[in-house]
């Protein structure tokens, strides 16, 4: 069983920022993962099984706290966007302004 933490300030921001390069990236990554965890718990009775369950054992029942714990231990990392190369060998970003 997971041990209870002595403080509400766990995981520490310093340890989280050691994993990610900016606070904005950390917040975005944690929010996206928290939504996935919330969706996982909401679909449990339906048997769909498409969403990844929490990757750490936590005493917390809040999706955001679980997501931050996953980031702290290195279970969740950001994915870099992949550039597509067109027929002429030029990289495209697929922005809406280019679609016209």
N, C-alpha and C. Protein backbone atom coordinates (compact mmCIF):
# COMPACT_ATOMS: atom_id res chain seq x y z
N UNK A 1 0.84 -1.18 0.00
CA UNK A 1 0.00 0.00 0.00
C UNK A 1 0.89 1.24 0.00
N UNK A 2 0.47 2.27 -0.67
CA UNK A 2 1.24 3.51 -0.74
C UNK A 2 1.22 4.20 0.61
N UNK A 3 2.36 4.77 0.98
CA UNK A 3 2.43 5.45 2.27
C UNK A 3 1.87 6.85 2.18
N UNK A 4 1.31 7.32 3.26
CA UNK A 4 0.71 8.65 3.30
C UNK A 4 1.79 9.71 3.38
N UNK A 5 1.60 10.79 2.65
CA UNK A 5 2.58 11.88 2.61
C UNK A 5 2.42 12.80 3.81
N UNK A 6 3.54 13.42 4.23
CA UNK A 6 3.52 14.33 5.37
C UNK A 6 3.04 15.72 4.99
N UNK A 7 3.02 16.04 3.70
CA UNK A 7 2.71 17.40 3.27
C UNK A 7 1.77 17.38 2.08
N UNK A 8 1.04 18.47 1.91
CA UNK A 8 0.20 18.61 0.73
C UNK A 8 1.01 19.07 -0.48
N UNK A 9 2.26 19.43 -0.26
CA UNK A 9 3.11 19.96 -1.32
C UNK A 9 3.94 18.87 -1.98
N UNK A 10 3.38 17.70 -2.16
CA UNK A 10 4.08 16.61 -2.83
C UNK A 10 3.33 16.27 -4.10
N UNK A 11 3.96 16.00 -5.18
CA UNK A 11 5.40 16.09 -5.41
C UNK A 11 5.88 17.53 -5.48
N UNK A 12 7.12 17.75 -5.10
CA UNK A 12 7.72 19.08 -5.06
C UNK A 12 7.90 19.63 -6.47
N UNK A 13 7.65 20.92 -6.65
CA UNK A 13 7.77 21.57 -7.95
C UNK A 13 9.19 21.47 -8.50
N UNK A 14 10.18 21.51 -7.62
CA UNK A 14 11.57 21.42 -8.05
C UNK A 14 11.86 20.09 -8.73
N UNK A 15 11.31 19.00 -8.18
CA UNK A 15 11.53 17.68 -8.78
C UNK A 15 10.77 17.56 -10.10
N UNK A 16 9.59 18.18 -10.18
CA UNK A 16 8.82 18.14 -11.42
C UNK A 16 9.50 18.94 -12.52
N UNK A 17 10.04 20.10 -12.16
CA UNK A 17 10.73 20.93 -13.16
C UNK A 17 12.04 20.31 -13.61
N UNK A 18 12.60 19.41 -12.83
CA UNK A 18 13.79 18.69 -13.28
C UNK A 18 13.44 17.73 -14.41
N UNK A 19 12.19 17.32 -14.50
CA UNK A 19 11.73 16.42 -15.57
C UNK A 19 11.32 17.17 -16.83
N UNK A 20 10.74 18.35 -16.67
CA UNK A 20 10.25 19.14 -17.81
C UNK A 20 10.96 20.47 -17.87
N UNK A 21 11.01 21.07 -19.06
CA UNK A 21 11.80 22.27 -19.26
C UNK A 21 11.12 23.57 -18.83
N UNK A 22 9.80 23.58 -18.69
CA UNK A 22 9.13 24.81 -18.29
C UNK A 22 7.87 24.49 -17.49
N UNK A 23 7.43 25.50 -16.74
CA UNK A 23 6.20 25.34 -15.96
C UNK A 23 5.00 25.16 -16.89
N UNK A 24 5.00 25.87 -18.03
CA UNK A 24 3.90 25.76 -18.98
C UNK A 24 3.79 24.33 -19.51
N UNK A 25 4.92 23.74 -19.88
CA UNK A 25 4.91 22.36 -20.37
C UNK A 25 4.42 21.42 -19.29
N UNK A 26 4.86 21.63 -18.08
CA UNK A 26 4.46 20.79 -16.95
C UNK A 26 2.95 20.87 -16.71
N UNK A 27 2.41 22.07 -16.71
CA UNK A 27 0.97 22.25 -16.49
C UNK A 27 0.16 21.62 -17.61
N UNK A 28 0.59 21.84 -18.84
CA UNK A 28 -0.13 21.28 -19.99
C UNK A 28 -0.10 19.76 -19.97
N UNK A 29 1.07 19.19 -19.72
CA UNK A 29 1.21 17.74 -19.68
C UNK A 29 0.37 17.13 -18.56
N UNK A 30 0.41 17.75 -17.38
CA UNK A 30 -0.35 17.24 -16.24
C UNK A 30 -1.86 17.35 -16.49
N UNK A 31 -2.30 18.44 -17.09
CA UNK A 31 -3.73 18.63 -17.35
C UNK A 31 -4.25 17.60 -18.36
N UNK A 32 -3.47 17.36 -19.42
CA UNK A 32 -3.89 16.37 -20.42
C UNK A 32 -3.96 14.98 -19.81
N UNK A 33 -2.96 14.63 -19.02
CA UNK A 33 -2.95 13.31 -18.40
C UNK A 33 -4.07 13.18 -17.36
N UNK A 34 -4.35 14.24 -16.63
CA UNK A 34 -5.44 14.21 -15.64
C UNK A 34 -6.78 13.96 -16.33
N UNK A 35 -6.98 14.58 -17.51
CA UNK A 35 -8.22 14.31 -18.26
C UNK A 35 -8.30 12.85 -18.70
N UNK A 36 -7.16 12.28 -19.11
CA UNK A 36 -7.15 10.87 -19.49
C UNK A 36 -7.48 9.97 -18.30
N UNK A 37 -6.91 10.27 -17.14
CA UNK A 37 -7.19 9.48 -15.93
C UNK A 37 -8.66 9.60 -15.56
N UNK A 38 -9.21 10.80 -15.63
CA UNK A 38 -10.62 11.01 -15.34
C UNK A 38 -11.50 10.22 -16.31
N UNK A 39 -11.15 10.25 -17.59
CA UNK A 39 -11.89 9.47 -18.58
C UNK A 39 -11.80 7.98 -18.30
N UNK A 40 -10.64 7.52 -17.86
CA UNK A 40 -10.46 6.11 -17.52
C UNK A 40 -11.43 5.70 -16.41
N UNK A 41 -11.49 6.49 -15.34
CA UNK A 41 -12.38 6.16 -14.24
C UNK A 41 -13.85 6.26 -14.65
N UNK A 42 -14.19 7.17 -15.54
CA UNK A 42 -15.57 7.32 -15.99
C UNK A 42 -16.03 6.18 -16.90
N UNK A 43 -15.10 5.54 -17.63
CA UNK A 43 -15.50 4.49 -18.56
C UNK A 43 -15.30 3.08 -18.00
N UNK A 44 -14.91 2.96 -16.72
CA UNK A 44 -14.63 1.64 -16.15
C UNK A 44 -15.78 0.64 -16.31
N UNK A 45 -16.99 1.06 -16.07
CA UNK A 45 -18.13 0.15 -16.16
C UNK A 45 -18.51 -0.23 -17.57
N UNK A 46 -18.05 0.53 -18.55
CA UNK A 46 -18.43 0.28 -19.94
C UNK A 46 -17.57 -0.78 -20.61
N UNK A 47 -16.41 -1.09 -20.06
CA UNK A 47 -15.56 -2.13 -20.60
C UNK A 47 -14.86 -1.76 -21.90
N UNK A 48 -14.68 -0.49 -22.18
CA UNK A 48 -14.05 -0.09 -23.44
C UNK A 48 -12.55 -0.36 -23.42
N UNK A 49 -11.86 -0.03 -22.34
CA UNK A 49 -10.45 -0.34 -22.20
C UNK A 49 -9.51 0.37 -23.15
N UNK A 50 -9.89 1.53 -23.67
CA UNK A 50 -9.03 2.24 -24.62
C UNK A 50 -8.10 3.24 -23.95
N UNK A 51 -8.37 3.58 -22.71
CA UNK A 51 -7.62 4.61 -22.02
C UNK A 51 -6.67 3.95 -21.02
N UNK A 52 -5.44 4.45 -20.95
CA UNK A 52 -4.42 3.88 -20.08
C UNK A 52 -4.75 4.21 -18.62
N UNK A 53 -4.75 3.20 -17.74
CA UNK A 53 -5.02 3.45 -16.32
C UNK A 53 -3.86 4.19 -15.67
N UNK A 54 -4.05 4.67 -14.44
CA UNK A 54 -2.96 5.32 -13.73
C UNK A 54 -1.73 4.42 -13.64
N UNK A 55 -0.54 5.00 -13.80
CA UNK A 55 0.70 4.24 -13.85
C UNK A 55 1.45 4.19 -12.53
N UNK A 56 0.89 4.80 -11.48
CA UNK A 56 1.51 4.78 -10.15
C UNK A 56 0.46 4.41 -9.12
N UNK A 57 0.91 3.87 -8.00
CA UNK A 57 0.03 3.62 -6.87
C UNK A 57 0.02 4.89 -6.05
N UNK A 58 -1.16 5.44 -5.82
CA UNK A 58 -1.27 6.73 -5.15
C UNK A 58 -2.34 6.68 -4.07
N UNK A 59 -2.11 7.42 -3.00
CA UNK A 59 -3.15 7.56 -1.98
C UNK A 59 -4.14 8.64 -2.38
N UNK A 60 -3.77 9.44 -3.36
CA UNK A 60 -4.65 10.51 -3.83
C UNK A 60 -5.73 9.94 -4.74
N UNK A 61 -6.91 10.54 -4.67
CA UNK A 61 -7.99 10.13 -5.56
C UNK A 61 -8.23 11.18 -6.63
N UNK A 62 -7.43 12.24 -6.65
CA UNK A 62 -7.61 13.32 -7.62
C UNK A 62 -6.75 13.07 -8.85
N UNK A 63 -7.34 13.14 -10.03
CA UNK A 63 -6.60 12.86 -11.27
C UNK A 63 -5.37 13.73 -11.47
N UNK A 64 -5.44 15.02 -11.11
CA UNK A 64 -4.29 15.90 -11.30
C UNK A 64 -3.13 15.50 -10.39
N UNK A 65 -3.41 15.13 -9.16
CA UNK A 65 -2.35 14.68 -8.24
C UNK A 65 -1.71 13.41 -8.75
N UNK A 66 -2.52 12.49 -9.26
CA UNK A 66 -1.99 11.24 -9.82
C UNK A 66 -1.12 11.55 -11.04
N UNK A 67 -1.57 12.46 -11.90
CA UNK A 67 -0.80 12.83 -13.09
C UNK A 67 0.55 13.43 -12.71
N UNK A 68 0.59 14.30 -11.71
CA UNK A 68 1.85 14.89 -11.26
C UNK A 68 2.78 13.83 -10.69
N UNK A 69 2.23 12.85 -9.98
CA UNK A 69 3.06 11.77 -9.46
C UNK A 69 3.64 10.93 -10.59
N UNK A 70 2.86 10.71 -11.64
CA UNK A 70 3.35 9.97 -12.81
C UNK A 70 4.49 10.72 -13.49
N UNK A 71 4.36 12.03 -13.60
CA UNK A 71 5.42 12.84 -14.21
C UNK A 71 6.68 12.79 -13.35
N UNK A 72 6.51 12.84 -12.03
CA UNK A 72 7.66 12.84 -11.13
C UNK A 72 8.49 11.57 -11.28
N UNK A 73 7.85 10.42 -11.42
CA UNK A 73 8.60 9.17 -11.52
C UNK A 73 9.00 8.84 -12.95
N UNK A 74 8.63 9.67 -13.89
CA UNK A 74 9.06 9.48 -15.27
C UNK A 74 8.18 8.57 -16.11
N UNK A 75 6.97 8.30 -15.66
CA UNK A 75 6.05 7.47 -16.44
C UNK A 75 5.40 8.24 -17.59
N UNK A 76 5.30 9.55 -17.45
CA UNK A 76 4.68 10.39 -18.47
C UNK A 76 5.73 11.40 -18.95
N UNK A 77 5.94 11.43 -20.26
CA UNK A 77 6.86 12.40 -20.85
C UNK A 77 6.17 13.05 -22.04
N UNK A 78 6.64 14.24 -22.41
CA UNK A 78 6.02 14.91 -23.54
C UNK A 78 6.54 14.31 -24.84
N UNK A 79 5.69 14.33 -25.84
CA UNK A 79 6.07 13.86 -27.17
C UNK A 79 6.33 15.06 -28.05
N UNK A 80 7.43 15.04 -28.77
CA UNK A 80 7.77 16.12 -29.68
C UNK A 80 6.92 15.98 -30.94
N UNK A 81 6.43 17.10 -31.50
CA UNK A 81 5.66 17.04 -32.74
C UNK A 81 6.52 16.54 -33.89
N UNK A 82 5.92 15.78 -34.78
CA UNK A 82 6.63 15.23 -35.92
C UNK A 82 6.33 16.09 -37.14
N UNK A 83 7.38 16.52 -37.84
CA UNK A 83 7.19 17.30 -39.06
C UNK A 83 6.98 16.36 -40.23
N UNK A 84 6.02 16.70 -41.08
CA UNK A 84 5.77 15.91 -42.27
C UNK A 84 6.56 16.51 -43.43
N UNK A 85 7.09 15.65 -44.29
CA UNK A 85 7.85 16.11 -45.44
C UNK A 85 7.00 15.84 -46.68
N UNK A 86 6.82 16.90 -47.51
CA UNK A 86 6.00 16.74 -48.72
C UNK A 86 6.85 16.18 -49.85
N UNK A 87 6.27 16.07 -51.05
CA UNK A 87 6.92 15.46 -52.20
C UNK A 87 8.19 16.20 -52.63
N UNK A 88 8.26 17.51 -52.42
CA UNK A 88 9.45 18.27 -52.80
C UNK A 88 10.54 18.22 -51.74
N UNK A 89 10.30 17.53 -50.65
CA UNK A 89 11.29 17.42 -49.59
C UNK A 89 11.27 18.58 -48.61
N UNK A 90 10.21 19.39 -48.64
CA UNK A 90 10.10 20.53 -47.73
C UNK A 90 9.24 20.13 -46.54
N UNK A 91 9.64 20.59 -45.37
CA UNK A 91 8.88 20.30 -44.15
C UNK A 91 7.63 21.16 -44.13
N UNK A 92 6.52 20.57 -43.72
CA UNK A 92 5.27 21.31 -43.59
C UNK A 92 4.79 21.22 -42.16
N UNK A 93 4.12 22.27 -41.73
CA UNK A 93 3.61 22.31 -40.35
C UNK A 93 2.12 22.04 -40.28
N UNK A 94 1.45 21.95 -41.39
CA UNK A 94 0.01 21.71 -41.46
C UNK A 94 -0.79 22.70 -40.65
N UNK A 95 -0.48 23.98 -40.77
CA UNK A 95 -1.25 24.99 -40.07
C UNK A 95 -2.49 25.33 -40.90
N UNK A 96 -3.56 25.80 -40.27
CA UNK A 96 -4.78 26.13 -41.00
C UNK A 96 -4.57 27.21 -42.07
N UNK A 97 -3.62 28.10 -41.88
CA UNK A 97 -3.38 29.16 -42.86
C UNK A 97 -2.81 28.61 -44.16
N UNK A 98 -2.12 27.47 -44.09
CA UNK A 98 -1.53 26.87 -45.27
C UNK A 98 -2.53 26.03 -46.07
N UNK A 99 -3.69 25.76 -45.50
CA UNK A 99 -4.64 24.84 -46.13
C UNK A 99 -5.41 25.45 -47.29
N UNK A 100 -5.26 26.71 -47.59
CA UNK A 100 -6.08 27.35 -48.61
C UNK A 100 -5.48 27.41 -49.91
